[in-house]
Amino acid sequence: MNIYWESFKTFFKIGIFTLGGGYAMIPLIEEEVVNKHRWVEKEEMLDLIAIAQSCPGVFAINIAIFIGYKLKKERGAIATALGTALPSFLIILAIAIFFKQFEDNQIVAAIFRGIRPAVVALIAVPTFRLGQRAQLNKFTIWIPVACALAIWALGVSPIYIIIIAAIGGYIYGRFSK
């Protein structure tokens, strides 16, 4: 089958069935890209997630672009990016068209209240999996905890956290050999 069409369909399906943003997409992307199609290895997926998170822009689009580029350079990146973005665009367009009709509907409000806890779970699961793959242990668990607390409690910009982590990783890699 045509790899452009296959990658577009794969990321379109991921885009359609994911609520909660890019992090909630991680399990679906991993299942499709790593396990089913074998376009990316598990270790490479962890690196792609780190890079996509560090780049400006939408996380899900970034990771789709990286995977598409790995598959078929620029055209592959375009196919996967469109596949990821198109479902959200179409859904938002439909919501925008019909929102006024359902704005005060109690059933719709109740549905969204029910979806919220599920979205939290969809984000929590890949976070724990990433922690396992990053080989966190009792000596390194303080790093993500301290970063999360710095962002949440102290209001430190995630950009500073990323810069400090990159410098720390470079120094550690340089002197740990």
Foldseek 3Di string as FASTA:
>chain_A
DDPLVVLLQLLLVLQQPAPQFDLLSVVSCCCVDCPNPNLDHPLVSLVLQLVLVLDPDGSQLSSQLVSLCSVPNPSRSVSSNCSNVVNVVVVVVVCVVCVVVCVPPPVVVVVVVVVVVVSVVSNVVVVVVSCVVVVDDPVRPVLVVVLVCCCPVVVDDVNVSSVVVVVVVVVCVVPVD
